[in-house]
Amino acid sequence: MDYSTTHPPRFRVTVEGERFTCEEAQGLGSRGDGEAFGPDLTVTLTGCVLADAPDALSWALAEEADGPRPVLVTIDETDAGGREVLTTWQLTDAAPAQLQGAETRAADHEGRIRRLTLNATRITELPRTAGTPGTAGVPGTSAPADTR
């Protein structure tokens, strides 16, 4: 399978403290009031790369004996360079529902997933706090220097 990235990753997904990137995320969109509830909420992630995220990969592959485990998932949409967070969503009780094109490579501790569909009970768009840099929490970036 060819998993070459055609677009830079624009979505960072955090599952229980481990982060991975995906090219696209569908099903988040603007929901008017910033929140949606229901038993059939789905988000589809495509072009995902999970490097050094073994627990997140195990969760995505639904390797637990009891089946897919619902967890809190955070998804950040970033600018084209991946440095500034544009929008953040939280998926409550998100669990893998469908997986296509998964490949793991033990040699470089990497997993790739062509398409991962998640079911969630709630999707919440988190407001950005005024004065909060969009790069907060982005590895390799720092807050602006204090010029006082």
N, C-alpha and C. Protein backbone atom coordinates (compact mmCIF):
# COMPACT_ATOMS: atom_id res chain seq x y z
N MET A 1 0.83 -1.18 0.00
CA MET A 1 0.00 0.00 0.00
C MET A 1 0.87 1.24 0.00
N ASP A 2 0.45 2.24 -0.72
CA ASP A 2 1.18 3.50 -0.76
C ASP A 2 0.51 4.48 0.19
N TYR A 3 1.26 4.89 1.21
CA TYR A 3 0.74 5.83 2.18
C TYR A 3 1.44 7.18 2.06
N SER A 4 1.95 7.49 0.91
CA SER A 4 2.64 8.76 0.77
C SER A 4 1.67 9.90 1.04
N THR A 5 2.16 10.90 1.72
CA THR A 5 1.33 12.04 2.08
C THR A 5 1.25 12.98 0.90
N THR A 6 0.03 13.26 0.47
CA THR A 6 -0.15 14.17 -0.65
C THR A 6 -0.33 15.61 -0.18
N HIS A 7 -0.77 15.79 1.05
CA HIS A 7 -0.95 17.11 1.63
C HIS A 7 -0.31 17.10 3.01
N PRO A 8 0.20 18.22 3.47
CA PRO A 8 0.74 18.23 4.83
C PRO A 8 -0.39 17.96 5.84
N PRO A 9 -0.09 17.29 6.95
CA PRO A 9 -1.13 17.03 7.94
C PRO A 9 -1.68 18.34 8.49
N ARG A 10 -2.99 18.45 8.53
CA ARG A 10 -3.62 19.67 9.03
C ARG A 10 -4.39 19.41 10.30
N PHE A 11 -4.45 18.17 10.74
CA PHE A 11 -5.20 17.84 11.94
C PHE A 11 -4.31 17.06 12.89
N ARG A 12 -4.28 17.50 14.14
CA ARG A 12 -3.57 16.78 15.19
C ARG A 12 -4.62 16.15 16.09
N VAL A 13 -4.50 14.86 16.31
CA VAL A 13 -5.46 14.10 17.10
C VAL A 13 -4.76 13.65 18.36
N THR A 14 -5.38 13.91 19.53
CA THR A 14 -4.80 13.49 20.80
C THR A 14 -5.73 12.48 21.46
N VAL A 15 -5.18 11.32 21.77
CA VAL A 15 -5.90 10.23 22.43
C VAL A 15 -5.11 9.84 23.67
N GLU A 16 -5.66 10.09 24.83
CA GLU A 16 -5.03 9.73 26.10
C GLU A 16 -3.56 10.15 26.17
N GLY A 17 -3.29 11.39 25.79
CA GLY A 17 -1.96 11.95 25.91
C GLY A 17 -1.02 11.67 24.75
N GLU A 18 -1.41 10.83 23.81
CA GLU A 18 -0.58 10.57 22.64
C GLU A 18 -1.18 11.27 21.42
N ARG A 19 -0.30 11.83 20.62
CA ARG A 19 -0.74 12.64 19.49
C ARG A 19 -0.32 12.02 18.18
N PHE A 20 -1.22 12.11 17.18
CA PHE A 20 -0.88 11.72 15.82
C PHE A 20 -1.49 12.71 14.86
N THR A 21 -1.08 12.65 13.60
CA THR A 21 -1.55 13.62 12.61
C THR A 21 -2.37 12.94 11.53
N CYS A 22 -3.29 13.71 10.95
CA CYS A 22 -4.11 13.25 9.84
C CYS A 22 -4.21 14.36 8.81
N GLU A 23 -4.34 13.97 7.55
CA GLU A 23 -4.48 14.95 6.48
C GLU A 23 -5.84 15.63 6.50
N GLU A 24 -6.88 14.84 6.73
CA GLU A 24 -8.25 15.37 6.65
C GLU A 24 -9.11 14.86 7.81
N ALA A 25 -10.12 15.64 8.16
CA ALA A 25 -11.12 15.24 9.15
C ALA A 25 -12.48 15.71 8.65
N GLN A 26 -13.41 14.78 8.53
CA GLN A 26 -14.76 15.11 8.07
C GLN A 26 -15.74 14.83 9.19
N GLY A 27 -16.77 15.67 9.30
CA GLY A 27 -17.80 15.48 10.30
C GLY A 27 -17.66 16.41 11.48
N LEU A 28 -16.66 17.30 11.47
CA LEU A 28 -16.50 18.24 12.57
C LEU A 28 -17.32 19.49 12.29
N GLY A 29 -16.99 20.18 11.22
CA GLY A 29 -17.71 21.34 10.73
C GLY A 29 -18.29 22.27 11.76
N SER A 30 -18.78 23.38 11.30
CA SER A 30 -19.45 24.34 12.17
C SER A 30 -20.83 23.82 12.51
N ARG A 31 -21.14 23.82 13.77
CA ARG A 31 -22.42 23.28 14.23
C ARG A 31 -23.30 24.38 14.83
N GLY A 32 -23.00 25.63 14.50
CA GLY A 32 -23.84 26.73 14.97
C GLY A 32 -23.54 27.11 16.40
N ASP A 33 -23.95 26.28 17.36
CA ASP A 33 -23.73 26.61 18.77
C ASP A 33 -22.42 26.03 19.29
N GLY A 34 -21.65 25.37 18.44
CA GLY A 34 -20.37 24.83 18.85
C GLY A 34 -20.44 23.47 19.50
N GLU A 35 -21.64 22.85 19.55
CA GLU A 35 -21.75 21.56 20.21
C GLU A 35 -22.84 20.74 19.55
N ALA A 36 -22.61 19.43 19.49
CA ALA A 36 -23.61 18.51 18.94
C ALA A 36 -23.67 17.28 19.85
N PHE A 37 -24.88 16.77 20.06
CA PHE A 37 -25.09 15.58 20.89
C PHE A 37 -25.78 14.53 20.05
N GLY A 38 -25.64 13.28 20.43
CA GLY A 38 -26.39 12.22 19.77
C GLY A 38 -25.63 10.93 19.70
N PRO A 39 -26.35 9.85 19.50
CA PRO A 39 -25.70 8.53 19.47
C PRO A 39 -24.99 8.23 18.16
N ASP A 40 -25.28 8.98 17.10
CA ASP A 40 -24.75 8.65 15.78
C ASP A 40 -23.82 9.71 15.22
N LEU A 41 -23.07 10.40 16.07
CA LEU A 41 -22.13 11.38 15.58
C LEU A 41 -20.88 10.66 15.08
N THR A 42 -20.47 10.97 13.87
CA THR A 42 -19.28 10.32 13.32
C THR A 42 -18.29 11.35 12.79
N VAL A 43 -17.03 11.03 12.94
CA VAL A 43 -15.94 11.83 12.40
C VAL A 43 -15.04 10.85 11.66
N THR A 44 -14.68 11.21 10.44
CA THR A 44 -13.81 10.35 9.63
C THR A 44 -12.48 11.04 9.43
N LEU A 45 -11.41 10.36 9.83
CA LEU A 45 -10.05 10.85 9.69
C LEU A 45 -9.38 10.09 8.56
N THR A 46 -8.66 10.79 7.69
CA THR A 46 -7.96 10.13 6.59
C THR A 46 -6.50 10.55 6.57
N GLY A 47 -5.66 9.64 6.05
CA GLY A 47 -4.24 9.92 5.92
C GLY A 47 -3.54 10.11 7.25
N CYS A 48 -3.78 9.22 8.20
CA CYS A 48 -3.23 9.37 9.55
C CYS A 48 -1.87 8.68 9.68
N VAL A 49 -0.97 9.34 10.40
CA VAL A 49 0.35 8.80 10.71
C VAL A 49 0.51 8.83 12.22
N LEU A 50 0.77 7.65 12.81
CA LEU A 50 0.92 7.52 14.25
C LEU A 50 2.36 7.11 14.54
N ALA A 51 3.20 8.07 14.84
CA ALA A 51 4.61 7.80 15.13
C ALA A 51 4.82 7.87 16.63
N ASP A 52 5.42 6.84 17.19
CA ASP A 52 5.68 6.76 18.63
C ASP A 52 4.42 7.03 19.45
N ALA A 53 3.32 6.47 19.04
CA ALA A 53 2.04 6.58 19.75
C ALA A 53 1.41 5.19 19.87
N PRO A 54 2.08 4.27 20.58
CA PRO A 54 1.61 2.88 20.61
C PRO A 54 0.23 2.70 21.24
N ASP A 55 -0.08 3.46 22.29
CA ASP A 55 -1.40 3.31 22.93
C ASP A 55 -2.51 3.84 22.02
N ALA A 56 -2.25 4.96 21.35
CA ALA A 56 -3.24 5.51 20.43
C ALA A 56 -3.45 4.56 19.25
N LEU A 57 -2.38 3.96 18.77
CA LEU A 57 -2.51 3.00 17.67
C LEU A 57 -3.30 1.78 18.10
N SER A 58 -3.00 1.26 19.27
CA SER A 58 -3.74 0.11 19.79
C SER A 58 -5.22 0.44 19.93
N TRP A 59 -5.52 1.65 20.42
CA TRP A 59 -6.92 2.10 20.55
C TRP A 59 -7.58 2.17 19.17
N ALA A 60 -6.90 2.79 18.20
CA ALA A 60 -7.46 2.93 16.85
C ALA A 60 -7.73 1.58 16.20
N LEU A 61 -6.85 0.62 16.46
CA LEU A 61 -7.01 -0.72 15.89
C LEU A 61 -8.00 -1.56 16.69
N ALA A 62 -8.54 -0.98 17.78
CA ALA A 62 -9.51 -1.66 18.66
C ALA A 62 -8.97 -3.01 19.11
N GLU A 63 -7.75 -2.99 19.63
CA GLU A 63 -7.09 -4.22 20.04
C GLU A 63 -7.47 -4.69 21.44
N GLU A 64 -8.24 -3.89 22.18
CA GLU A 64 -8.65 -4.30 23.52
C GLU A 64 -9.57 -5.50 23.44
N ALA A 65 -9.49 -6.36 24.42
CA ALA A 65 -10.31 -7.59 24.45
C ALA A 65 -11.80 -7.29 24.50
N ASP A 66 -12.18 -6.19 25.12
CA ASP A 66 -13.60 -5.82 25.25
C ASP A 66 -14.13 -5.05 24.05
N GLY A 67 -13.31 -4.89 23.01
CA GLY A 67 -13.73 -4.14 21.84
C GLY A 67 -13.33 -2.68 21.94
N PRO A 68 -13.83 -1.84 21.04
CA PRO A 68 -13.46 -0.43 21.02
C PRO A 68 -13.80 0.25 22.35
N ARG A 69 -12.84 0.97 22.90
CA ARG A 69 -13.01 1.64 24.18
C ARG A 69 -13.28 3.13 23.94
N PRO A 70 -14.40 3.66 24.44
CA PRO A 70 -14.69 5.09 24.28
C PRO A 70 -13.79 5.95 25.16
N VAL A 71 -13.20 6.98 24.58
CA VAL A 71 -12.31 7.89 25.28
C VAL A 71 -12.58 9.32 24.82
N LEU A 72 -11.99 10.29 25.52
CA LEU A 72 -12.05 11.68 25.10
C LEU A 72 -10.96 11.90 24.06
N VAL A 73 -11.34 12.42 22.90
CA VAL A 73 -10.40 12.67 21.81
C VAL A 73 -10.42 14.17 21.51
N THR A 74 -9.25 14.76 21.35
CA THR A 74 -9.15 16.17 20.98
C THR A 74 -8.57 16.24 19.58
N ILE A 75 -9.19 17.07 18.74
CA ILE A 75 -8.70 17.26 17.37
C ILE A 75 -8.45 18.74 17.15
N ASP A 76 -7.20 19.08 16.78
CA ASP A 76 -6.82 20.45 16.46
C ASP A 76 -6.67 20.58 14.96
N GLU A 77 -7.34 21.56 14.38
CA GLU A 77 -7.09 21.90 12.98
C GLU A 77 -6.03 22.99 12.97
N THR A 78 -4.99 22.79 12.16
CA THR A 78 -3.89 23.76 12.13
C THR A 78 -3.83 24.45 10.78
N ASP A 79 -3.04 25.51 10.74
CA ASP A 79 -2.80 26.18 9.47
C ASP A 79 -1.97 25.25 8.58
N ALA A 80 -1.73 25.67 7.35
CA ALA A 80 -1.04 24.81 6.38
C ALA A 80 0.35 24.41 6.85
N GLY A 81 1.01 25.24 7.65
CA GLY A 81 2.34 24.91 8.15
C GLY A 81 2.31 24.06 9.40
N GLY A 82 1.12 23.84 9.97
CA GLY A 82 0.99 23.03 11.16
C GLY A 82 1.43 23.72 12.44
N ARG A 83 1.61 25.02 12.39
CA ARG A 83 2.13 25.74 13.56
C ARG A 83 1.03 26.40 14.40
N GLU A 84 0.02 26.93 13.77
CA GLU A 84 -1.03 27.64 14.52
C GLU A 84 -2.32 26.83 14.53
N VAL A 85 -2.90 26.69 15.72
CA VAL A 85 -4.17 25.99 15.85
C VAL A 85 -5.29 26.95 15.45
N LEU A 86 -6.10 26.52 14.49
CA LEU A 86 -7.22 27.34 14.03
C LEU A 86 -8.50 27.02 14.81
N THR A 87 -8.76 25.74 15.02
CA THR A 87 -9.96 25.30 15.72
C THR A 87 -9.65 24.02 16.48
N THR A 88 -10.28 23.86 17.64
CA THR A 88 -10.12 22.63 18.43
C THR A 88 -11.50 22.06 18.73
N TRP A 89 -11.61 20.74 18.58
CA TRP A 89 -12.84 20.03 18.92
C TRP A 89 -12.52 18.96 19.94
N GLN A 90 -13.49 18.68 20.81
CA GLN A 90 -13.39 17.53 21.70
C GLN A 90 -14.50 16.57 21.36
N LEU A 91 -14.15 15.30 21.23
CA LEU A 91 -15.12 14.24 20.97
C LEU A 91 -15.25 13.44 22.26
N THR A 92 -16.43 13.44 22.83
CA THR A 92 -16.69 12.73 24.08
C THR A 92 -17.11 11.30 23.77
N ASP A 93 -16.54 10.36 24.52
CA ASP A 93 -16.83 8.94 24.36
C ASP A 93 -16.64 8.50 22.90
N ALA A 94 -15.52 8.90 22.32
CA ALA A 94 -15.22 8.52 20.93
C ALA A 94 -14.59 7.13 20.91
N ALA A 95 -15.01 6.33 19.95
CA ALA A 95 -14.49 4.98 19.78
C ALA A 95 -14.38 4.66 18.30
N PRO A 96 -13.36 3.90 17.91
CA PRO A 96 -13.23 3.49 16.52
C PRO A 96 -14.44 2.67 16.07
N ALA A 97 -14.98 3.02 14.92
CA ALA A 97 -16.14 2.30 14.37
C ALA A 97 -15.77 1.55 13.10
N GLN A 98 -14.87 2.13 12.32
CA GLN A 98 -14.48 1.51 11.06
C GLN A 98 -13.04 1.91 10.73
N LEU A 99 -12.29 0.96 10.20
CA LEU A 99 -10.89 1.16 9.89
C LEU A 99 -10.60 0.61 8.51
N GLN A 100 -9.87 1.40 7.70
CA GLN A 100 -9.48 0.94 6.37
C GLN A 100 -8.00 1.25 6.17
N GLY A 101 -7.28 0.28 5.63
CA GLY A 101 -5.89 0.50 5.23
C GLY A 101 -4.95 0.78 6.37
N ALA A 102 -4.93 -0.08 7.38
CA ALA A 102 -3.99 0.10 8.49
C ALA A 102 -2.72 -0.68 8.22
N GLU A 103 -1.60 -0.07 8.55
CA GLU A 103 -0.30 -0.70 8.38
C GLU A 103 0.59 -0.26 9.54
N THR A 104 1.27 -1.22 10.16
CA THR A 104 2.20 -0.89 11.23
C THR A 104 3.58 -1.35 10.85
N ARG A 105 4.57 -0.57 11.28
CA ARG A 105 5.96 -0.91 11.01
C ARG A 105 6.72 -0.81 12.33
N ALA A 106 7.05 -1.95 12.88
CA ALA A 106 7.73 -2.00 14.17
C ALA A 106 9.11 -1.37 14.11
N ALA A 107 9.76 -1.45 12.96
CA ALA A 107 11.13 -0.95 12.84
C ALA A 107 11.24 0.54 13.17
N ASP A 108 10.25 1.32 12.78
CA ASP A 108 10.32 2.76 13.06
C ASP A 108 9.20 3.23 13.98
N HIS A 109 8.54 2.30 14.65
CA HIS A 109 7.49 2.62 15.63
C HIS A 109 6.42 3.51 15.01
N GLU A 110 5.97 3.14 13.84
CA GLU A 110 5.01 3.96 13.13
C GLU A 110 3.83 3.13 12.65
N GLY A 111 2.66 3.73 12.72
CA GLY A 111 1.47 3.14 12.14
C GLY A 111 0.85 4.14 11.19
N ARG A 112 0.24 3.63 10.15
CA ARG A 112 -0.45 4.50 9.19
C ARG A 112 -1.84 3.94 8.97
N ILE A 113 -2.79 4.84 8.91
CA ILE A 113 -4.18 4.45 8.71
C ILE A 113 -4.74 5.31 7.58
N ARG A 114 -5.24 4.65 6.56
CA ARG A 114 -5.79 5.39 5.43
C ARG A 114 -7.09 6.10 5.82
N ARG A 115 -7.97 5.39 6.56
CA ARG A 115 -9.27 5.97 6.92
C ARG A 115 -9.72 5.37 8.25
N LEU A 116 -10.05 6.25 9.21
CA LEU A 116 -10.52 5.84 10.53
C LEU A 116 -11.80 6.60 10.84
N THR A 117 -12.89 5.87 11.05
CA THR A 117 -14.16 6.50 11.40
C THR A 117 -14.41 6.29 12.88
N LEU A 118 -14.74 7.39 13.56
CA LEU A 118 -15.01 7.36 14.99
C LEU A 118 -16.48 7.67 15.25
N ASN A 119 -17.06 7.01 16.22
CA ASN A 119 -18.38 7.38 16.73
C ASN A 119 -18.17 8.09 18.05
N ALA A 120 -18.98 9.12 18.32
CA ALA A 120 -18.88 9.88 19.56
C ALA A 120 -20.27 10.23 20.06
N THR A 121 -20.39 10.49 21.35
CA THR A 121 -21.69 10.90 21.89
C THR A 121 -21.85 12.41 21.91
N ARG A 122 -20.72 13.12 21.82
CA ARG A 122 -20.77 14.60 21.80
C ARG A 122 -19.56 15.12 21.06
N ILE A 123 -19.77 16.17 20.27
CA ILE A 123 -18.68 16.88 19.61
C ILE A 123 -18.79 18.34 20.03
N THR A 124 -17.74 18.85 20.64
CA THR A 124 -17.75 20.22 21.14
C THR A 124 -16.63 21.01 20.49
N GLU A 125 -16.98 22.13 19.87
CA GLU A 125 -15.97 23.04 19.34
C GLU A 125 -15.56 23.96 20.48
N LEU A 126 -14.27 23.96 20.80
CA LEU A 126 -13.78 24.76 21.92
C LEU A 126 -13.43 26.16 21.45
N PRO A 127 -13.92 27.16 22.16
CA PRO A 127 -13.58 28.54 21.77
C PRO A 127 -12.13 28.84 22.09
N ARG A 128 -11.52 29.65 21.26
CA ARG A 128 -10.17 30.11 21.55
C ARG A 128 -10.27 31.27 22.51
N THR A 129 -9.43 31.27 23.52
CA THR A 129 -9.42 32.34 24.49
C THR A 129 -8.65 33.52 23.93
N ALA A 130 -9.21 34.72 24.07
CA ALA A 130 -8.53 35.91 23.57
C ALA A 130 -7.16 36.03 24.21
N GLY A 131 -6.17 36.31 23.40
CA GLY A 131 -4.81 36.47 23.89
C GLY A 131 -4.04 35.17 24.00
N THR A 132 -4.70 34.04 23.71
CA THR A 132 -4.01 32.76 23.77
C THR A 132 -3.38 32.50 22.42
N PRO A 133 -2.07 32.28 22.40
CA PRO A 133 -1.44 32.01 21.11
C PRO A 133 -1.97 30.73 20.50
N GLY A 134 -2.14 30.73 19.20
CA GLY A 134 -2.64 29.55 18.51
C GLY A 134 -1.66 28.40 18.49
N THR A 135 -0.43 28.65 18.89
CA THR A 135 0.56 27.59 18.86
C THR A 135 0.67 26.87 20.19
N ALA A 136 -0.18 27.17 21.13
CA ALA A 136 -0.10 26.55 22.46
C ALA A 136 -0.15 25.03 22.31
N GLY A 137 0.81 24.38 22.91
CA GLY A 137 0.83 22.92 22.90
C GLY A 137 1.42 22.31 21.65
N VAL A 138 1.89 23.13 20.72
CA VAL A 138 2.48 22.60 19.49
C VAL A 138 3.96 22.34 19.73
N PRO A 139 4.42 21.09 19.56
CA PRO A 139 5.83 20.80 19.76
C PRO A 139 6.69 21.66 18.85
N GLY A 140 7.78 22.17 19.39
CA GLY A 140 8.71 22.96 18.59
C GLY A 140 8.35 24.42 18.50
N THR A 141 7.31 24.85 19.20
CA THR A 141 6.96 26.27 19.19
C THR A 141 6.97 26.78 20.62
N SER A 142 7.00 28.07 20.75
CA SER A 142 6.97 28.65 22.09
C SER A 142 6.11 29.89 22.08
N ALA A 143 5.74 30.32 23.24
CA ALA A 143 4.94 31.53 23.37
C ALA A 143 5.81 32.73 23.00
N PRO A 144 5.18 33.84 22.60
CA PRO A 144 5.97 35.03 22.28
C PRO A 144 6.80 35.45 23.48
N ALA A 145 7.96 36.02 23.21
CA ALA A 145 8.84 36.47 24.28
C ALA A 145 8.21 37.63 25.03
N ASP A 146 8.45 37.68 26.33
CA ASP A 146 7.96 38.78 27.16
C ASP A 146 8.88 39.97 26.92
N THR A 147 8.33 41.07 26.45
CA THR A 147 9.14 42.23 26.09
C THR A 147 9.06 43.33 27.13
N ARG A 148 8.58 42.99 28.35
CA ARG A 148 8.49 44.02 29.40
C ARG A 148 9.85 44.45 29.85
